Amino acid sequence: MTKKHVWCPTCERYVKLKYKSMPHTYHELWAFFIFLTFGIGIIIYLLIRYHQPKNRCPHCERKFDLEKPLPEGPKG
């Protein structure tokens, strides 16, 4: 189960978790692959892209282990 917002100790604020960002060079390679496969590669790209868990801070890319208790932030 994932929480909607978690406390990021690095950024010192509550953040909404996101997928790991992909480097720009991989986007260029995927575009070339999709072009070569006449669009069929987009299905493979989407499966790989969205099969990953949302476990990263959108600001500092810190990885959260969702199996362990998440850090608690300030109340209020």
PDB file of N, CA and C in Angstrom:
ATOM      1  N   MET A   1       0.845  -1.185   0.000  1.00  0.00           N
ATOM      2  CA  MET A   1       0.000   0.000   0.000  1.00  0.00           C
ATOM      3  C   MET A   1       0.886   1.243   0.000  1.00  0.00           C
ATOM      4  N   THR A   2       0.578   2.190  -0.838  1.00  0.00           N
ATOM      5  CA  THR A   2       1.363   3.413  -0.882  1.00  0.00           C
ATOM      6  C   THR A   2       0.549   4.561  -0.302  1.00  0.00           C
ATOM      7  N   LYS A   3       1.231   5.447   0.364  1.00  0.00           N
ATOM      8  CA  LYS A   3       0.579   6.637   0.894  1.00  0.00           C
ATOM      9  C   LYS A   3       0.511   7.689  -0.202  1.00  0.00           C
ATOM     10  N   LYS A   4      -0.431   8.604  -0.050  1.00  0.00           N
ATOM     11  CA  LYS A   4      -0.575   9.653  -1.042  1.00  0.00           C
ATOM     12  C   LYS A   4       0.575  10.662  -0.937  1.00  0.00           C
ATOM     13  N   HIS A   5       0.894  11.083   0.270  1.00  0.00           N
ATOM     14  CA  HIS A   5       2.000  12.009   0.507  1.00  0.00           C
ATOM     15  C   HIS A   5       2.868  11.460   1.631  1.00  0.00           C
ATOM     16  N   VAL A   6       4.175  11.539   1.454  1.00  0.00           N
ATOM     17  CA  VAL A   6       5.112  11.072   2.481  1.00  0.00           C
ATOM     18  C   VAL A   6       6.110  12.182   2.795  1.00  0.00           C
ATOM     19  N   TRP A   7       6.709  12.093   3.964  1.00  0.00           N
ATOM     20  CA  TRP A   7       7.707  13.073   4.397  1.00  0.00           C
ATOM     21  C   TRP A   7       9.061  12.706   3.810  1.00  0.00           C
ATOM     22  N   CYS A   8       9.692  13.643   3.110  1.00  0.00           N
ATOM     23  CA  CYS A   8      11.029  13.436   2.566  1.00  0.00           C
ATOM     24  C   CYS A   8      12.022  14.146   3.485  1.00  0.00           C
ATOM     25  N   PRO A   9      12.894  13.410   4.179  1.00  0.00           N
ATOM     26  CA  PRO A   9      13.855  14.046   5.077  1.00  0.00           C
ATOM     27  C   PRO A   9      14.882  14.903   4.344  1.00  0.00           C
ATOM     28  N   THR A  10      15.175  14.586   3.094  1.00  0.00           N
ATOM     29  CA  THR A  10      16.148  15.366   2.329  1.00  0.00           C
ATOM     30  C   THR A  10      15.576  16.733   1.967  1.00  0.00           C
ATOM     31  N   CYS A  11      14.353  16.746   1.445  1.00  0.00           N
ATOM     32  CA  CYS A  11      13.708  18.008   1.038  1.00  0.00           C
ATOM     33  C   CYS A  11      13.042  18.721   2.210  1.00  0.00           C
ATOM     34  N   GLU A  12      12.814  17.993   3.300  1.00  0.00           N
ATOM     35  CA  GLU A  12      12.134  18.502   4.490  1.00  0.00           C
ATOM     36  C   GLU A  12      10.746  19.040   4.164  1.00  0.00           C
ATOM     37  N   ARG A  13       9.965  18.225   3.437  1.00  0.00           N
ATOM     38  CA  ARG A  13       8.577  18.567   3.132  1.00  0.00           C
ATOM     39  C   ARG A  13       7.837  17.306   2.706  1.00  0.00           C
ATOM     40  N   TYR A  14       6.522  17.406   2.701  1.00  0.00           N
ATOM     41  CA  TYR A  14       5.710  16.296   2.230  1.00  0.00           C
ATOM     42  C   TYR A  14       5.693  16.311   0.708  1.00  0.00           C
ATOM     43  N   VAL A  15       5.863  15.139   0.116  1.00  0.00           N
ATOM     44  CA  VAL A  15       5.895  15.030  -1.344  1.00  0.00           C
ATOM     45  C   VAL A  15       4.994  13.890  -1.788  1.00  0.00           C
ATOM     46  N   LYS A  16       4.542  13.974  -3.018  1.00  0.00           N
ATOM     47  CA  LYS A  16       3.781  12.901  -3.641  1.00  0.00           C
ATOM     48  C   LYS A  16       4.776  12.059  -4.437  1.00  0.00           C
ATOM     49  N   LEU A  17       4.820  10.761  -4.162  1.00  0.00           N
ATOM     50  CA  LEU A  17       5.799   9.890  -4.807  1.00  0.00           C
ATOM     51  C   LEU A  17       5.532   9.768  -6.300  1.00  0.00           C
ATOM     52  N   LYS A  18       6.596   9.536  -7.070  1.00  0.00           N
ATOM     53  CA  LYS A  18       6.485   9.408  -8.520  1.00  0.00           C
ATOM     54  C   LYS A  18       7.386   8.283  -9.001  1.00  0.00           C
ATOM     55  N   TYR A  19       7.278   7.997 -10.301  1.00  0.00           N
ATOM     56  CA  TYR A  19       8.131   6.992 -10.923  1.00  0.00           C
ATOM     57  C   TYR A  19       9.547   7.534 -11.057  1.00  0.00           C
ATOM     58  N   LYS A  20      10.511   6.636 -11.163  1.00  0.00           N
ATOM     59  CA  LYS A  20      11.892   7.040 -11.389  1.00  0.00           C
ATOM     60  C   LYS A  20      11.977   7.707 -12.760  1.00  0.00           C
ATOM     61  N   SER A  21      12.626   8.854 -12.818  1.00  0.00           N
ATOM     62  CA  SER A  21      12.740   9.555 -14.095  1.00  0.00           C
ATOM     63  C   SER A  21      13.755   8.857 -14.995  1.00  0.00           C
ATOM     64  N   MET A  22      13.500   8.935 -16.282  1.00  0.00           N
ATOM     65  CA  MET A  22      14.359   8.279 -17.262  1.00  0.00           C
ATOM     66  C   MET A  22      15.280   9.331 -17.896  1.00  0.00           C
ATOM     67  N   PRO A  23      16.566   9.046 -18.029  1.00  0.00           N
ATOM     68  CA  PRO A  23      17.473  10.001 -18.670  1.00  0.00           C
ATOM     69  C   PRO A  23      17.038  10.316 -20.107  1.00  0.00           C
ATOM     70  N   HIS A  24      17.361  11.507 -20.548  1.00  0.00           N
ATOM     71  CA  HIS A  24      16.929  11.981 -21.864  1.00  0.00           C
ATOM     72  C   HIS A  24      17.451  11.103 -23.004  1.00  0.00           C
ATOM     73  N   THR A  25      18.647  10.562 -22.865  1.00  0.00           N
ATOM     74  CA  THR A  25      19.194   9.722 -23.941  1.00  0.00           C
ATOM     75  C   THR A  25      18.352   8.472 -24.149  1.00  0.00           C
ATOM     76  N   TYR A  26      17.768   7.942 -23.082  1.00  0.00           N
ATOM     77  CA  TYR A  26      16.895   6.778 -23.237  1.00  0.00           C
ATOM     78  C   TYR A  26      15.625   7.138 -24.001  1.00  0.00           C
ATOM     79  N   HIS A  27      15.124   8.346 -23.823  1.00  0.00           N
ATOM     80  CA  HIS A  27      13.946   8.773 -24.579  1.00  0.00           C
ATOM     81  C   HIS A  27      14.257   8.783 -26.076  1.00  0.00           C
ATOM     82  N   GLU A  28      15.443   9.235 -26.426  1.00  0.00           N
ATOM     83  CA  GLU A  28      15.830   9.254 -27.843  1.00  0.00           C
ATOM     84  C   GLU A  28      15.947   7.841 -28.399  1.00  0.00           C
ATOM     85  N   LEU A  29      16.522   6.924 -27.615  1.00  0.00           N
ATOM     86  CA  LEU A  29      16.627   5.531 -28.055  1.00  0.00           C
ATOM     87  C   LEU A  29      15.251   4.884 -28.191  1.00  0.00           C
ATOM     88  N   TRP A  30      14.363   5.165 -27.238  1.00  0.00           N
ATOM     89  CA  TRP A  30      13.010   4.613 -27.335  1.00  0.00           C
ATOM     90  C   TRP A  30      12.276   5.171 -28.544  1.00  0.00           C
ATOM     91  N   ALA A  31      12.439   6.458 -28.840  1.00  0.00           N
ATOM     92  CA  ALA A  31      11.793   7.038 -30.021  1.00  0.00           C
ATOM     93  C   ALA A  31      12.292   6.351 -31.289  1.00  0.00           C
ATOM     94  N   PHE A  32      13.580   6.096 -31.373  1.00  0.00           N
ATOM     95  CA  PHE A  32      14.146   5.397 -32.524  1.00  0.00           C
ATOM     96  C   PHE A  32      13.604   3.974 -32.610  1.00  0.00           C
ATOM     97  N   PHE A  33      13.510   3.280 -31.461  1.00  0.00           N
ATOM     98  CA  PHE A  33      12.984   1.911 -31.418  1.00  0.00           C
ATOM     99  C   PHE A  33      11.511   1.872 -31.839  1.00  0.00           C
ATOM    100  N   ILE A  34      10.728   2.827 -31.375  1.00  0.00           N
ATOM    101  CA  ILE A  34       9.308   2.885 -31.745  1.00  0.00           C
ATOM    102  C   ILE A  34       9.165   3.145 -33.234  1.00  0.00           C
ATOM    103  N   PHE A  35      10.008   3.999 -33.779  1.00  0.00           N
ATOM    104  CA  PHE A  35       9.979   4.279 -35.217  1.00  0.00           C
ATOM    105  C   PHE A  35      10.317   3.021 -36.016  1.00  0.00           C
ATOM    106  N   LEU A  36      11.320   2.253 -35.553  1.00  0.00           N
ATOM    107  CA  LEU A  36      11.723   1.038 -36.267  1.00  0.00           C
ATOM    108  C   LEU A  36      10.665  -0.066 -36.215  1.00  0.00           C
ATOM    109  N   THR A  37       9.897  -0.123 -35.140  1.00  0.00           N
ATOM    110  CA  THR A  37       8.886  -1.175 -35.002  1.00  0.00           C
ATOM    111  C   THR A  37       7.502  -0.704 -35.436  1.00  0.00           C
ATOM    112  N   PHE A  38       7.430   0.424 -36.114  1.00  0.00           N
ATOM    113  CA  PHE A  38       6.168   0.978 -36.622  1.00  0.00           C
ATOM    114  C   PHE A  38       5.130   1.172 -35.516  1.00  0.00           C
ATOM    115  N   GLY A  39       5.566   1.631 -34.371  1.00  0.00           N
ATOM    116  CA  GLY A  39       4.660   1.975 -33.279  1.00  0.00           C
ATOM    117  C   GLY A  39       4.388   0.865 -32.288  1.00  0.00           C
ATOM    118  N   ILE A  40       4.775  -0.354 -32.583  1.00  0.00           N
ATOM    119  CA  ILE A  40       4.526  -1.455 -31.649  1.00  0.00           C
ATOM    120  C   ILE A  40       5.388  -1.293 -30.396  1.00  0.00           C
ATOM    121  N   GLY A  41       6.532  -0.666 -30.533  1.00  0.00           N
ATOM    122  CA  GLY A  41       7.428  -0.467 -29.393  1.00  0.00           C
ATOM    123  C   GLY A  41       6.836   0.415 -28.310  1.00  0.00           C
ATOM    124  N   ILE A  42       5.818   1.228 -28.639  1.00  0.00           N
ATOM    125  CA  ILE A  42       5.199   2.091 -27.629  1.00  0.00           C
ATOM    126  C   ILE A  42       4.533   1.250 -26.543  1.00  0.00           C
ATOM    127  N   ILE A  43       3.999   0.094 -26.916  1.00  0.00           N
ATOM    128  CA  ILE A  43       3.372  -0.790 -25.928  1.00  0.00           C
ATOM    129  C   ILE A  43       4.425  -1.307 -24.953  1.00  0.00           C
ATOM    130  N   ILE A  44       5.567  -1.711 -25.476  1.00  0.00           N
ATOM    131  CA  ILE A  44       6.659  -2.201 -24.627  1.00  0.00           C
ATOM    132  C   ILE A  44       7.167  -1.075 -23.727  1.00  0.00           C
ATOM    133  N   TYR A  45       7.305   0.124 -24.291  1.00  0.00           N
ATOM    134  CA  TYR A  45       7.758   1.281 -23.514  1.00  0.00           C
ATOM    135  C   TYR A  45       6.804   1.560 -22.353  1.00  0.00           C
ATOM    136  N   LEU A  46       5.508   1.571 -22.630  1.00  0.00           N
ATOM    137  CA  LEU A  46       4.533   1.870 -21.584  1.00  0.00           C
ATOM    138  C   LEU A  46       4.515   0.794 -20.502  1.00  0.00           C
ATOM    139  N   LEU A  47       4.668  -0.464 -20.905  1.00  0.00           N
ATOM    140  CA  LEU A  47       4.721  -1.540 -19.913  1.00  0.00           C
ATOM    141  C   LEU A  47       5.931  -1.393 -18.997  1.00  0.00           C
ATOM    142  N   ILE A  48       7.080  -1.088 -19.567  1.00  0.00           N
ATOM    143  CA  ILE A  48       8.295  -0.924 -18.766  1.00  0.00           C
ATOM    144  C   ILE A  48       8.202   0.327 -17.903  1.00  0.00           C
ATOM    145  N   ARG A  49       7.714   1.410 -18.471  1.00  0.00           N
ATOM    146  CA  ARG A  49       7.672   2.696 -17.773  1.00  0.00           C
ATOM    147  C   ARG A  49       6.742   2.672 -16.565  1.00  0.00           C
ATOM    148  N   TYR A  50       5.556   2.097 -16.716  1.00  0.00           N
ATOM    149  CA  TYR A  50       4.560   2.173 -15.652  1.00  0.00           C
ATOM    150  C   TYR A  50       4.454   0.902 -14.822  1.00  0.00           C
ATOM    151  N   HIS A  51       5.331  -0.057 -15.043  1.00  0.00           N
ATOM    152  CA  HIS A  51       5.363  -1.253 -14.207  1.00  0.00           C
ATOM    153  C   HIS A  51       6.173  -1.008 -12.941  1.00  0.00           C
ATOM    154  N   GLN A  52       6.993   0.030 -12.933  1.00  0.00           N
ATOM    155  CA  GLN A  52       7.813   0.364 -11.770  1.00  0.00           C
ATOM    156  C   GLN A  52       6.927   0.948 -10.667  1.00  0.00           C
ATOM    157  N   PRO A  53       7.304   0.748  -9.408  1.00  0.00           N
ATOM    158  CA  PRO A  53       6.518   1.348  -8.322  1.00  0.00           C
ATOM    159  C   PRO A  53       6.809   2.843  -8.197  1.00  0.00           C
ATOM    160  N   LYS A  54       5.827   3.578  -7.698  1.00  0.00           N
ATOM    161  CA  LYS A  54       6.043   4.994  -7.401  1.00  0.00           C
ATOM    162  C   LYS A  54       6.738   5.053  -6.044  1.00  0.00           C
ATOM    163  N   ASN A  55       8.043   5.233  -6.057  1.00  0.00           N
ATOM    164  CA  ASN A  55       8.806   5.225  -4.806  1.00  0.00           C
ATOM    165  C   ASN A  55       9.907   6.279  -4.784  1.00  0.00           C
ATOM    166  N   ARG A  56       9.796   7.335  -5.572  1.00  0.00           N
ATOM    167  CA  ARG A  56      10.833   8.374  -5.637  1.00  0.00           C
ATOM    168  C   ARG A  56      10.261   9.742  -5.290  1.00  0.00           C
ATOM    169  N   CYS A  57      11.100  10.545  -4.636  1.00  0.00           N
ATOM    170  CA  CYS A  57      10.748  11.942  -4.389  1.00  0.00           C
ATOM    171  C   CYS A  57      10.879  12.697  -5.711  1.00  0.00           C
ATOM    172  N   PRO A  58       9.900  13.518  -6.085  1.00  0.00           N
ATOM    173  CA  PRO A  58       9.990  14.225  -7.362  1.00  0.00           C
ATOM    174  C   PRO A  58      11.046  15.327  -7.389  1.00  0.00           C
ATOM    175  N   HIS A  59      11.540  15.740  -6.232  1.00  0.00           N
ATOM    176  CA  HIS A  59      12.498  16.845  -6.188  1.00  0.00           C
ATOM    177  C   HIS A  59      13.947  16.381  -6.074  1.00  0.00           C
ATOM    178  N   CYS A  60      14.209  15.411  -5.195  1.00  0.00           N
ATOM    179  CA  CYS A  60      15.598  15.001  -4.959  1.00  0.00           C
ATOM    180  C   CYS A  60      15.885  13.576  -5.427  1.00  0.00           C
ATOM    181  N   GLU A  61      14.894  12.870  -5.965  1.00  0.00           N
ATOM    182  CA  GLU A  61      15.035  11.492  -6.472  1.00  0.00           C
ATOM    183  C   GLU A  61      15.393  10.490  -5.374  1.00  0.00           C
ATOM    184  N   ARG A  62      15.120  10.829  -4.111  1.00  0.00           N
ATOM    185  CA  ARG A  62      15.383   9.888  -3.018  1.00  0.00           C
ATOM    186  C   ARG A  62      14.448   8.691  -3.155  1.00  0.00           C
ATOM    187  N   LYS A  63      14.996   7.495  -2.969  1.00  0.00           N
ATOM    188  CA  LYS A  63      14.207   6.265  -3.088  1.00  0.00           C
ATOM    189  C   LYS A  63      13.679   5.868  -1.715  1.00  0.00           C
ATOM    190  N   PHE A  64      12.372   5.582  -1.637  1.00  0.00           N
ATOM    191  CA  PHE A  64      11.742   5.148  -0.403  1.00  0.00           C
ATOM    192  C   PHE A  64      11.475   3.652  -0.481  1.00  0.00           C
ATOM    193  N   ASP A  65      11.806   2.935   0.598  1.00  0.00           N
ATOM    194  CA  ASP A  65      11.504   1.513   0.683  1.00  0.00           C
ATOM    195  C   ASP A  65      10.079   1.395   1.212  1.00  0.00           C
ATOM    196  N   LEU A  66       9.156   0.993   0.355  1.00  0.00           N
ATOM    197  CA  LEU A  66       7.748   0.964   0.724  1.00  0.00           C
ATOM    198  C   LEU A  66       7.396  -0.223   1.611  1.00  0.00           C
ATOM    199  N   GLU A  67       8.317  -1.158   1.789  1.00  0.00           N
ATOM    200  CA  GLU A  67       8.079  -2.311   2.661  1.00  0.00           C
ATOM    201  C   GLU A  67       8.283  -1.944   4.135  1.00  0.00           C
ATOM    202  N   LYS A  68       9.144  -0.972   4.405  1.00  0.00           N
ATOM    203  CA  LYS A  68       9.430  -0.538   5.771  1.00  0.00           C
ATOM    204  C   LYS A  68       8.539   0.654   6.113  1.00  0.00           C
ATOM    205  N   PRO A  69       8.407   0.975   7.413  1.00  0.00           N
ATOM    206  CA  PRO A  69       7.642   2.175   7.784  1.00  0.00           C
ATOM    207  C   PRO A  69       8.306   3.430   7.212  1.00  0.00           C
ATOM    208  N   LEU A  70       7.501   4.309   6.667  1.00  0.00           N
ATOM    209  CA  LEU A  70       8.020   5.540   6.073  1.00  0.00           C
ATOM    210  C   LEU A  70       8.325   6.553   7.165  1.00  0.00           C
ATOM    211  N   PRO A  71       9.271   7.482   6.917  1.00  0.00           N
ATOM    212  CA  PRO A  71       9.615   8.479   7.938  1.00  0.00           C
ATOM    213  C   PRO A  71       8.430   9.393   8.252  1.00  0.00           C
ATOM    214  N   GLU A  72       8.308   9.735   9.513  1.00  0.00           N
ATOM    215  CA  GLU A  72       7.237  10.626   9.956  1.00  0.00           C
ATOM    216  C   GLU A  72       7.734  12.064   9.930  1.00  0.00           C
ATOM    217  N   GLY A  73       6.902  12.941   9.467  1.00  0.00           N
ATOM    218  CA  GLY A  73       7.248  14.353   9.417  1.00  0.00           C
ATOM    219  C   GLY A  73       6.589  15.111  10.550  1.00  0.00           C
ATOM    220  N   PRO A  74       6.750  16.429  10.559  1.00  0.00           N
ATOM    221  CA  PRO A  74       6.122  17.237  11.600  1.00  0.00           C
ATOM    222  C   PRO A  74       4.601  17.216  11.449  1.00  0.00           C
ATOM    223  N   LYS A  75       3.922  17.233  12.540  1.00  0.00           N
ATOM    224  CA  LYS A  75       2.453  17.245  12.542  1.00  0.00           C
ATOM    225  C   LYS A  75       1.978  18.684  12.508  1.00  0.00           C
ATOM    226  N   GLY A  76       0.904  18.893  11.769  1.00  0.00           N
ATOM    227  CA  GLY A  76       0.328  20.225  11.808  1.00  0.00           C
ATOM    228  C   GLY A  76       0.083  20.860  10.533  1.00  0.00           C
TER     229      GLY A  76
END
